[in-house]
Amino acid sequence: MVKIRLKRMGAHKKPFYRVVVSDARVSRDGQCIAELGTYDPLTDPATIKIDAEEAKKWLANGAQPTDTARALLKKAGVIE
């Protein structure tokens, strides 16, 4: 199954995430199929940048977002 999830980047205690499309069997920070955007929780307010058209395309093709990715997609206005 293909999932939309977060890939952790950044240094120790300074997380930065990429919103990616990857196979469910691959590890969290492993190979990804596509990169949809970024999420930076350290800024105030948190910065969310997501390519809405690309995300909608993957959702239409059957990609399942994780709970956290779904919340970010809602905040970005991609899904209701």
C-alpha atoms as a PDB file:
ATOM      1  CA  MET A   1       0.000   0.000   0.000  1.00  0.00           C
ATOM      2  CA  VAL A   2       1.163   3.538  -0.726  1.00  0.00           C
ATOM      3  CA  LYS A   3       1.069   5.984   2.183  1.00  0.00           C
ATOM      4  CA  ILE A   4       1.409   9.736   2.596  1.00  0.00           C
ATOM      5  CA  ARG A   5       3.509  10.249   5.706  1.00  0.00           C
ATOM      6  CA  LEU A   6       6.231  12.318   7.339  1.00  0.00           C
ATOM      7  CA  LYS A   7       9.958  11.792   6.860  1.00  0.00           C
ATOM      8  CA  ARG A   8      12.042  13.221   9.720  1.00  0.00           C
ATOM      9  CA  MET A   9      14.946  15.462   8.815  1.00  0.00           C
ATOM     10  CA  GLY A  10      16.998  17.949  10.806  1.00  0.00           C
ATOM     11  CA  ALA A  11      19.416  17.713  13.683  1.00  0.00           C
ATOM     12  CA  HIS A  12      19.000  16.237  17.150  1.00  0.00           C
ATOM     13  CA  LYS A  13      16.198  18.077  19.024  1.00  0.00           C
ATOM     14  CA  LYS A  14      15.549  20.262  15.933  1.00  0.00           C
ATOM     15  CA  PRO A  15      13.049  18.255  13.884  1.00  0.00           C
ATOM     16  CA  PHE A  16      12.011  19.194  10.373  1.00  0.00           C
ATOM     17  CA  TYR A  17       9.704  16.991   8.327  1.00  0.00           C
ATOM     18  CA  ARG A  18       9.057  16.301   4.665  1.00  0.00           C
ATOM     19  CA  VAL A  19       5.588  15.144   3.631  1.00  0.00           C
ATOM     20  CA  VAL A  20       6.291  12.223   1.283  1.00  0.00           C
ATOM     21  CA  VAL A  21       4.580   9.418  -0.593  1.00  0.00           C
ATOM     22  CA  SER A  22       6.179   6.050   0.106  1.00  0.00           C
ATOM     23  CA  ASP A  23       5.505   2.344   0.195  1.00  0.00           C
ATOM     24  CA  ALA A  24       4.151   1.218   3.585  1.00  0.00           C
ATOM     25  CA  ARG A  25       6.870  -1.455   3.848  1.00  0.00           C
ATOM     26  CA  VAL A  26       9.741   1.050   3.661  1.00  0.00           C
ATOM     27  CA  SER A  27      11.210   2.487   6.882  1.00  0.00           C
ATOM     28  CA  ARG A  28      10.197   5.955   8.090  1.00  0.00           C
ATOM     29  CA  ASP A  29      13.246   7.745   6.687  1.00  0.00           C
ATOM     30  CA  GLY A  30      13.799   5.360   3.779  1.00  0.00           C
ATOM     31  CA  GLN A  31      13.246   5.727   0.068  1.00  0.00           C
ATOM     32  CA  CYS A  32      10.216   7.748  -1.013  1.00  0.00           C
ATOM     33  CA  ILE A  33       8.247   7.807  -4.261  1.00  0.00           C
ATOM     34  CA  ALA A  34       7.478  11.543  -4.261  1.00  0.00           C
ATOM     35  CA  GLU A  35       7.890  14.586  -2.038  1.00  0.00           C
ATOM     36  CA  LEU A  36       4.731  16.638  -1.500  1.00  0.00           C
ATOM     37  CA  GLY A  37       5.956  19.364   0.831  1.00  0.00           C
ATOM     38  CA  THR A  38       7.450  20.287   4.188  1.00  0.00           C
ATOM     39  CA  TYR A  39       6.391  20.805   7.805  1.00  0.00           C
ATOM     40  CA  ASP A  40       8.437  22.810  10.324  1.00  0.00           C
ATOM     41  CA  PRO A  41       6.985  22.573  13.858  1.00  0.00           C
ATOM     42  CA  LEU A  42       9.641  24.815  15.434  1.00  0.00           C
ATOM     43  CA  THR A  43       8.436  28.076  13.887  1.00  0.00           C
ATOM     44  CA  ASP A  44       5.620  30.002  15.535  1.00  0.00           C
ATOM     45  CA  PRO A  45       3.114  29.269  14.052  1.00  0.00           C
ATOM     46  CA  ALA A  46       4.236  25.989  12.495  1.00  0.00           C
ATOM     47  CA  THR A  47       5.057  26.243   8.789  1.00  0.00           C
ATOM     48  CA  ILE A  48       3.203  23.889   6.420  1.00  0.00           C
ATOM     49  CA  LYS A  49       3.984  23.964   2.688  1.00  0.00           C
ATOM     50  CA  ILE A  50       2.251  21.304   0.571  1.00  0.00           C
ATOM     51  CA  ASP A  51       1.773  21.033  -3.195  1.00  0.00           C
ATOM     52  CA  ALA A  52      -2.033  20.691  -3.201  1.00  0.00           C
ATOM     53  CA  GLU A  53      -2.368  19.470  -6.806  1.00  0.00           C
ATOM     54  CA  GLU A  54       0.228  16.736  -6.337  1.00  0.00           C
ATOM     55  CA  ALA A  55      -1.345  15.654  -3.028  1.00  0.00           C
ATOM     56  CA  LYS A  56      -4.828  15.468  -4.581  1.00  0.00           C
ATOM     57  CA  LYS A  57      -3.420  13.385  -7.436  1.00  0.00           C
ATOM     58  CA  TRP A  58      -1.912  10.856  -5.015  1.00  0.00           C
ATOM     59  CA  LEU A  59      -5.079  10.740  -2.896  1.00  0.00           C
ATOM     60  CA  ALA A  60      -7.138  10.094  -6.046  1.00  0.00           C
ATOM     61  CA  ASN A  61      -4.752   7.255  -6.951  1.00  0.00           C
ATOM     62  CA  GLY A  62      -5.393   5.552  -3.596  1.00  0.00           C
ATOM     63  CA  ALA A  63      -2.595   6.769  -1.318  1.00  0.00           C
ATOM     64  CA  GLN A  64      -3.644   6.603   2.338  1.00  0.00           C
ATOM     65  CA  PRO A  65      -2.433   9.427   4.625  1.00  0.00           C
ATOM     66  CA  THR A  66      -1.328   8.649   8.183  1.00  0.00           C
ATOM     67  CA  ASP A  67      -3.188  10.387  11.011  1.00  0.00           C
ATOM     68  CA  THR A  68      -0.561  13.132  11.313  1.00  0.00           C
ATOM     69  CA  ALA A  69      -0.314  13.618   7.552  1.00  0.00           C
ATOM     70  CA  ARG A  70      -4.124  13.810   7.319  1.00  0.00           C
ATOM     71  CA  ALA A  71      -4.169  16.583   9.954  1.00  0.00           C
ATOM     72  CA  LEU A  72      -1.510  18.528   8.035  1.00  0.00           C
ATOM     73  CA  LEU A  73      -3.398  18.104   4.751  1.00  0.00           C
ATOM     74  CA  LYS A  74      -6.539  19.455   6.436  1.00  0.00           C
ATOM     75  CA  LYS A  75      -4.672  22.489   7.784  1.00  0.00           C
ATOM     76  CA  ALA A  76      -3.229  23.112   4.305  1.00  0.00           C
ATOM     77  CA  GLY A  77      -6.733  22.947   2.804  1.00  0.00           C
ATOM     78  CA  VAL A  78      -6.100  19.917   0.588  1.00  0.00           C
ATOM     79  CA  ILE A  79      -8.836  17.765   2.154  1.00  0.00           C
ATOM     80  CA  GLU A  80     -11.854  18.536   4.330  1.00  0.00           C
END
